[in-house]
Amino acid sequence: MRYGELKVWTEEWDGIPVIGAEGEVDLGTVAALRTTTSEVVRRKPDSIVFDLRKVTYIDSSGLGILLAARKQLGKGADSVIVISDQPAVLQSLKITGLDRVLRVQAEPAGLPTLT
C-alpha cells in the first residue's frame, strides 16, 4: 500500500456487516469509505462494524462518516462498532469525544467471529 492510499472492503461476521479499511482516511481518500458505508447503511442493518485496525490515520472527514452512520441507523452507541488498536485513530476518536458516542474496542473479542 502506497502513502495516501485507502483500500476498503466489506465482509460479514455472523450476519453483521463489516467495513474494513487499510491506509489513511483523509479528504483525498475518504470517497471510497463514504461510498461503501452508504451502500451498507441503505440495507438498514442493526449494527455495522468498522474494522480500522489497518488504518494508520483518520481525519475529520472519516470521523464524520462514522458519526453519520450512527445517526442514519439511529439505534444507539452499539449500532456502530469501531475496532482499532492504532494510536492515531484512537487519539482522534478520544479528542473528538466519539469514543463516548460509538463503541470502540481494540480487538473483535466479544463480537461474532469471521464467517
N, C-alpha and C. Protein backbone atom coordinates (compact mmCIF):
# COMPACT_ATOMS: atom_id res chain seq x y z
N MET A 1 0.85 -1.17 0.00
CA MET A 1 0.00 0.00 0.00
C MET A 1 0.89 1.24 0.00
N ARG A 2 0.64 2.14 -0.91
CA ARG A 2 1.44 3.37 -1.01
C ARG A 2 0.86 4.46 -0.12
N TYR A 3 1.73 5.40 0.24
CA TYR A 3 1.33 6.54 1.04
C TYR A 3 0.13 7.24 0.39
N GLY A 4 -0.86 7.60 1.17
CA GLY A 4 -2.01 8.35 0.67
C GLY A 4 -3.07 7.50 0.00
N GLU A 5 -2.98 6.18 0.14
CA GLU A 5 -3.98 5.30 -0.46
C GLU A 5 -4.87 4.72 0.63
N LEU A 6 -6.08 4.34 0.23
CA LEU A 6 -7.01 3.70 1.14
C LEU A 6 -7.67 2.54 0.41
N LYS A 7 -7.57 1.38 1.00
CA LYS A 7 -8.24 0.19 0.49
C LYS A 7 -9.45 -0.07 1.39
N VAL A 8 -10.61 -0.28 0.80
CA VAL A 8 -11.84 -0.50 1.56
C VAL A 8 -12.51 -1.78 1.05
N TRP A 9 -13.03 -2.58 1.96
CA TRP A 9 -13.73 -3.81 1.58
C TRP A 9 -14.87 -4.06 2.57
N THR A 10 -15.74 -4.98 2.21
CA THR A 10 -16.82 -5.39 3.11
C THR A 10 -16.78 -6.90 3.28
N GLU A 11 -17.24 -7.33 4.42
CA GLU A 11 -17.41 -8.75 4.72
C GLU A 11 -18.49 -8.85 5.78
N GLU A 12 -18.80 -10.04 6.24
CA GLU A 12 -19.79 -10.21 7.29
C GLU A 12 -19.25 -11.12 8.37
N TRP A 13 -19.59 -10.77 9.61
CA TRP A 13 -19.27 -11.62 10.77
C TRP A 13 -20.61 -12.02 11.36
N ASP A 14 -21.01 -13.25 11.18
CA ASP A 14 -22.31 -13.76 11.66
C ASP A 14 -23.46 -12.84 11.27
N GLY A 15 -23.48 -12.42 10.04
CA GLY A 15 -24.57 -11.59 9.53
C GLY A 15 -24.43 -10.11 9.82
N ILE A 16 -23.42 -9.71 10.54
CA ILE A 16 -23.18 -8.29 10.83
C ILE A 16 -22.25 -7.73 9.76
N PRO A 17 -22.66 -6.68 9.05
CA PRO A 17 -21.77 -6.12 8.03
C PRO A 17 -20.53 -5.49 8.65
N VAL A 18 -19.39 -5.78 8.04
CA VAL A 18 -18.12 -5.24 8.48
C VAL A 18 -17.51 -4.46 7.33
N ILE A 19 -17.14 -3.22 7.60
CA ILE A 19 -16.44 -2.40 6.62
C ILE A 19 -14.99 -2.31 7.09
N GLY A 20 -14.11 -2.88 6.31
CA GLY A 20 -12.69 -2.86 6.64
C GLY A 20 -11.97 -1.83 5.80
N ALA A 21 -10.89 -1.31 6.34
CA ALA A 21 -10.09 -0.34 5.60
C ALA A 21 -8.63 -0.49 5.96
N GLU A 22 -7.79 -0.11 5.01
CA GLU A 22 -6.34 -0.14 5.21
C GLU A 22 -5.75 1.10 4.56
N GLY A 23 -4.93 1.82 5.31
CA GLY A 23 -4.27 3.01 4.79
C GLY A 23 -4.62 4.23 5.62
N GLU A 24 -4.75 5.36 4.96
CA GLU A 24 -5.07 6.63 5.62
C GLU A 24 -6.42 7.14 5.15
N VAL A 25 -7.24 7.55 6.12
CA VAL A 25 -8.55 8.13 5.80
C VAL A 25 -8.42 9.64 5.95
N ASP A 26 -8.47 10.32 4.81
CA ASP A 26 -8.41 11.78 4.83
C ASP A 26 -9.24 12.31 3.66
N LEU A 27 -9.23 13.60 3.50
CA LEU A 27 -10.06 14.23 2.47
C LEU A 27 -9.79 13.66 1.07
N GLY A 28 -8.56 13.27 0.81
CA GLY A 28 -8.21 12.74 -0.50
C GLY A 28 -8.61 11.30 -0.74
N THR A 29 -8.87 10.55 0.33
CA THR A 29 -9.18 9.13 0.18
C THR A 29 -10.56 8.73 0.69
N VAL A 30 -11.25 9.63 1.34
CA VAL A 30 -12.47 9.30 2.06
C VAL A 30 -13.63 8.86 1.15
N ALA A 31 -13.60 9.18 -0.11
CA ALA A 31 -14.72 8.85 -1.01
C ALA A 31 -15.02 7.35 -1.03
N ALA A 32 -13.99 6.53 -1.03
CA ALA A 32 -14.20 5.08 -1.05
C ALA A 32 -14.92 4.61 0.21
N LEU A 33 -14.52 5.14 1.35
CA LEU A 33 -15.17 4.77 2.61
C LEU A 33 -16.61 5.28 2.65
N ARG A 34 -16.83 6.48 2.17
CA ARG A 34 -18.17 7.06 2.15
C ARG A 34 -19.12 6.23 1.27
N THR A 35 -18.66 5.87 0.09
CA THR A 35 -19.49 5.09 -0.84
C THR A 35 -19.85 3.74 -0.24
N THR A 36 -18.86 3.05 0.29
CA THR A 36 -19.09 1.73 0.87
C THR A 36 -20.03 1.82 2.07
N THR A 37 -19.81 2.80 2.92
CA THR A 37 -20.67 2.96 4.10
C THR A 37 -22.10 3.25 3.68
N SER A 38 -22.30 4.10 2.70
CA SER A 38 -23.65 4.41 2.22
C SER A 38 -24.37 3.16 1.72
N GLU A 39 -23.64 2.33 0.99
CA GLU A 39 -24.23 1.09 0.48
C GLU A 39 -24.66 0.16 1.62
N VAL A 40 -23.83 0.06 2.63
CA VAL A 40 -24.15 -0.81 3.76
C VAL A 40 -25.30 -0.23 4.59
N VAL A 41 -25.29 1.06 4.87
CA VAL A 41 -26.34 1.68 5.68
C VAL A 41 -27.70 1.58 5.00
N ARG A 42 -27.73 1.64 3.68
CA ARG A 42 -29.01 1.53 2.94
C ARG A 42 -29.73 0.21 3.22
N ARG A 43 -28.98 -0.80 3.60
CA ARG A 43 -29.59 -2.11 3.91
C ARG A 43 -30.22 -2.13 5.30
N LYS A 44 -30.04 -1.06 6.08
CA LYS A 44 -30.62 -0.91 7.42
C LYS A 44 -30.27 -2.05 8.37
N PRO A 45 -28.98 -2.37 8.52
CA PRO A 45 -28.61 -3.42 9.48
C PRO A 45 -28.81 -2.92 10.92
N ASP A 46 -28.85 -3.85 11.86
CA ASP A 46 -28.94 -3.45 13.27
C ASP A 46 -27.66 -2.77 13.72
N SER A 47 -26.53 -3.22 13.18
CA SER A 47 -25.25 -2.62 13.54
C SER A 47 -24.26 -2.79 12.39
N ILE A 48 -23.21 -1.97 12.45
CA ILE A 48 -22.11 -2.03 11.48
C ILE A 48 -20.81 -2.03 12.28
N VAL A 49 -19.89 -2.87 11.84
CA VAL A 49 -18.55 -2.87 12.41
C VAL A 49 -17.60 -2.20 11.42
N PHE A 50 -16.83 -1.24 11.90
CA PHE A 50 -15.75 -0.65 11.12
C PHE A 50 -14.45 -1.25 11.64
N ASP A 51 -13.81 -2.07 10.83
CA ASP A 51 -12.54 -2.67 11.20
C ASP A 51 -11.42 -1.75 10.71
N LEU A 52 -10.92 -0.94 11.61
CA LEU A 52 -9.91 0.07 11.26
C LEU A 52 -8.53 -0.29 11.83
N ARG A 53 -8.29 -1.56 12.08
CA ARG A 53 -7.01 -1.98 12.65
C ARG A 53 -5.84 -1.72 11.71
N LYS A 54 -6.11 -1.56 10.40
CA LYS A 54 -5.05 -1.30 9.44
C LYS A 54 -5.06 0.15 8.95
N VAL A 55 -5.85 0.98 9.60
CA VAL A 55 -5.90 2.41 9.27
C VAL A 55 -4.91 3.13 10.19
N THR A 56 -3.97 3.83 9.60
CA THR A 56 -2.93 4.49 10.39
C THR A 56 -3.25 5.94 10.73
N TYR A 57 -4.27 6.51 10.06
CA TYR A 57 -4.63 7.91 10.28
C TYR A 57 -6.07 8.10 9.84
N ILE A 58 -6.82 8.91 10.60
CA ILE A 58 -8.18 9.26 10.21
C ILE A 58 -8.41 10.73 10.57
N ASP A 59 -8.91 11.50 9.60
CA ASP A 59 -9.18 12.91 9.87
C ASP A 59 -10.68 13.12 10.08
N SER A 60 -11.09 14.37 10.17
CA SER A 60 -12.48 14.70 10.47
C SER A 60 -13.45 14.20 9.39
N SER A 61 -12.99 14.09 8.15
CA SER A 61 -13.89 13.60 7.11
C SER A 61 -14.23 12.12 7.35
N GLY A 62 -13.27 11.35 7.80
CA GLY A 62 -13.52 9.95 8.12
C GLY A 62 -14.34 9.79 9.38
N LEU A 63 -14.03 10.60 10.39
CA LEU A 63 -14.81 10.56 11.63
C LEU A 63 -16.27 10.93 11.37
N GLY A 64 -16.47 11.87 10.45
CA GLY A 64 -17.83 12.27 10.08
C GLY A 64 -18.63 11.12 9.49
N ILE A 65 -17.97 10.24 8.76
CA ILE A 65 -18.66 9.08 8.18
C ILE A 65 -19.11 8.13 9.29
N LEU A 66 -18.26 7.92 10.28
CA LEU A 66 -18.64 7.05 11.40
C LEU A 66 -19.85 7.61 12.14
N LEU A 67 -19.83 8.90 12.41
CA LEU A 67 -20.93 9.54 13.11
C LEU A 67 -22.21 9.54 12.27
N ALA A 68 -22.08 9.80 10.98
CA ALA A 68 -23.25 9.80 10.09
C ALA A 68 -23.88 8.41 10.04
N ALA A 69 -23.06 7.37 10.03
CA ALA A 69 -23.61 6.01 10.01
C ALA A 69 -24.43 5.76 11.27
N ARG A 70 -23.92 6.20 12.41
CA ARG A 70 -24.67 6.02 13.66
C ARG A 70 -25.99 6.78 13.62
N LYS A 71 -25.96 8.00 13.15
CA LYS A 71 -27.18 8.80 13.07
C LYS A 71 -28.19 8.17 12.11
N GLN A 72 -27.71 7.67 10.98
CA GLN A 72 -28.61 7.07 9.99
C GLN A 72 -29.22 5.78 10.51
N LEU A 73 -28.46 4.99 11.25
CA LEU A 73 -29.01 3.76 11.83
C LEU A 73 -29.93 4.07 13.00
N GLY A 74 -29.60 5.12 13.76
CA GLY A 74 -30.46 5.59 14.84
C GLY A 74 -30.75 4.57 15.91
N LYS A 75 -29.78 3.74 16.24
CA LYS A 75 -30.05 2.67 17.19
C LYS A 75 -29.10 2.68 18.39
N GLY A 76 -28.51 3.79 18.71
CA GLY A 76 -27.65 3.88 19.88
C GLY A 76 -26.19 3.59 19.61
N ALA A 77 -25.40 3.65 20.67
CA ALA A 77 -23.95 3.54 20.57
C ALA A 77 -23.49 2.21 19.99
N ASP A 78 -24.20 1.11 20.28
CA ASP A 78 -23.78 -0.19 19.79
C ASP A 78 -24.13 -0.42 18.32
N SER A 79 -24.77 0.53 17.68
CA SER A 79 -25.10 0.35 16.26
C SER A 79 -23.86 0.53 15.39
N VAL A 80 -22.87 1.26 15.87
CA VAL A 80 -21.60 1.41 15.14
C VAL A 80 -20.47 1.01 16.09
N ILE A 81 -19.75 -0.03 15.69
CA ILE A 81 -18.65 -0.55 16.48
C ILE A 81 -17.36 -0.31 15.70
N VAL A 82 -16.41 0.34 16.33
CA VAL A 82 -15.13 0.64 15.70
C VAL A 82 -14.07 -0.23 16.36
N ILE A 83 -13.37 -1.00 15.54
CA ILE A 83 -12.27 -1.82 16.04
C ILE A 83 -10.97 -1.20 15.55
N SER A 84 -10.14 -0.79 16.51
CA SER A 84 -8.84 -0.22 16.15
C SER A 84 -7.91 -0.29 17.35
N ASP A 85 -6.65 -0.59 17.04
CA ASP A 85 -5.61 -0.52 18.05
C ASP A 85 -4.53 0.49 17.62
N GLN A 86 -4.85 1.27 16.60
CA GLN A 86 -3.92 2.25 16.06
C GLN A 86 -3.94 3.53 16.90
N PRO A 87 -2.81 3.93 17.45
CA PRO A 87 -2.77 5.11 18.33
C PRO A 87 -3.35 6.38 17.70
N ALA A 88 -3.05 6.65 16.45
CA ALA A 88 -3.55 7.88 15.82
C ALA A 88 -5.07 7.86 15.67
N VAL A 89 -5.62 6.71 15.35
CA VAL A 89 -7.08 6.59 15.21
C VAL A 89 -7.75 6.73 16.57
N LEU A 90 -7.22 6.02 17.57
CA LEU A 90 -7.78 6.10 18.92
C LEU A 90 -7.70 7.52 19.47
N GLN A 91 -6.61 8.20 19.20
CA GLN A 91 -6.44 9.59 19.65
C GLN A 91 -7.49 10.50 19.01
N SER A 92 -7.72 10.33 17.71
CA SER A 92 -8.73 11.14 17.03
C SER A 92 -10.13 10.89 17.61
N LEU A 93 -10.43 9.65 17.89
CA LEU A 93 -11.73 9.31 18.49
C LEU A 93 -11.87 9.92 19.88
N LYS A 94 -10.79 9.89 20.64
CA LYS A 94 -10.82 10.43 22.00
C LYS A 94 -10.93 11.95 22.01
N ILE A 95 -10.11 12.60 21.20
CA ILE A 95 -10.11 14.07 21.16
C ILE A 95 -11.48 14.63 20.78
N THR A 96 -12.15 13.96 19.86
CA THR A 96 -13.45 14.43 19.39
C THR A 96 -14.61 13.96 20.25
N GLY A 97 -14.34 13.06 21.19
CA GLY A 97 -15.40 12.53 22.03
C GLY A 97 -16.19 11.40 21.40
N LEU A 98 -15.81 11.01 20.22
CA LEU A 98 -16.54 9.92 19.56
C LEU A 98 -16.35 8.58 20.25
N ASP A 99 -15.31 8.47 21.06
CA ASP A 99 -15.13 7.23 21.82
C ASP A 99 -16.21 7.06 22.88
N ARG A 100 -16.96 8.12 23.16
CA ARG A 100 -18.08 8.05 24.10
C ARG A 100 -19.42 7.89 23.39
N VAL A 101 -19.43 8.10 22.08
CA VAL A 101 -20.66 8.02 21.30
C VAL A 101 -20.75 6.71 20.52
N LEU A 102 -19.59 6.19 20.15
CA LEU A 102 -19.51 4.93 19.41
C LEU A 102 -18.88 3.87 20.31
N ARG A 103 -19.15 2.63 20.01
CA ARG A 103 -18.48 1.54 20.74
C ARG A 103 -17.11 1.33 20.10
N VAL A 104 -16.05 1.55 20.87
CA VAL A 104 -14.68 1.44 20.36
C VAL A 104 -13.97 0.36 21.15
N GLN A 105 -13.33 -0.55 20.43
CA GLN A 105 -12.55 -1.59 21.09
C GLN A 105 -11.34 -1.95 20.24
N ALA A 106 -10.31 -2.48 20.89
CA ALA A 106 -9.04 -2.76 20.21
C ALA A 106 -9.07 -4.02 19.37
N GLU A 107 -9.92 -4.98 19.75
CA GLU A 107 -9.98 -6.27 19.06
C GLU A 107 -11.44 -6.65 18.83
N PRO A 108 -11.66 -7.62 17.93
CA PRO A 108 -13.03 -8.06 17.73
C PRO A 108 -13.54 -9.00 18.82
N ALA A 109 -12.80 -9.17 19.92
CA ALA A 109 -13.25 -10.03 21.01
C ALA A 109 -14.64 -9.59 21.47
N GLY A 110 -15.48 -10.56 21.67
CA GLY A 110 -16.84 -10.25 22.08
C GLY A 110 -17.78 -10.03 20.92
N LEU A 111 -17.24 -10.00 19.72
CA LEU A 111 -18.06 -9.87 18.52
C LEU A 111 -18.13 -11.23 17.84
N PRO A 112 -19.09 -11.43 16.98
CA PRO A 112 -19.15 -12.69 16.25
C PRO A 112 -17.86 -12.93 15.45
N THR A 113 -17.49 -14.16 15.29
CA THR A 113 -16.28 -14.49 14.54
C THR A 113 -16.53 -14.35 13.05
N LEU A 114 -15.44 -14.17 12.33
CA LEU A 114 -15.50 -14.04 10.88
C LEU A 114 -16.10 -15.29 10.28
N THR A 115 -17.09 -15.11 9.42
CA THR A 115 -17.73 -16.26 8.77
C THR A 115 -17.25 -16.41 7.35
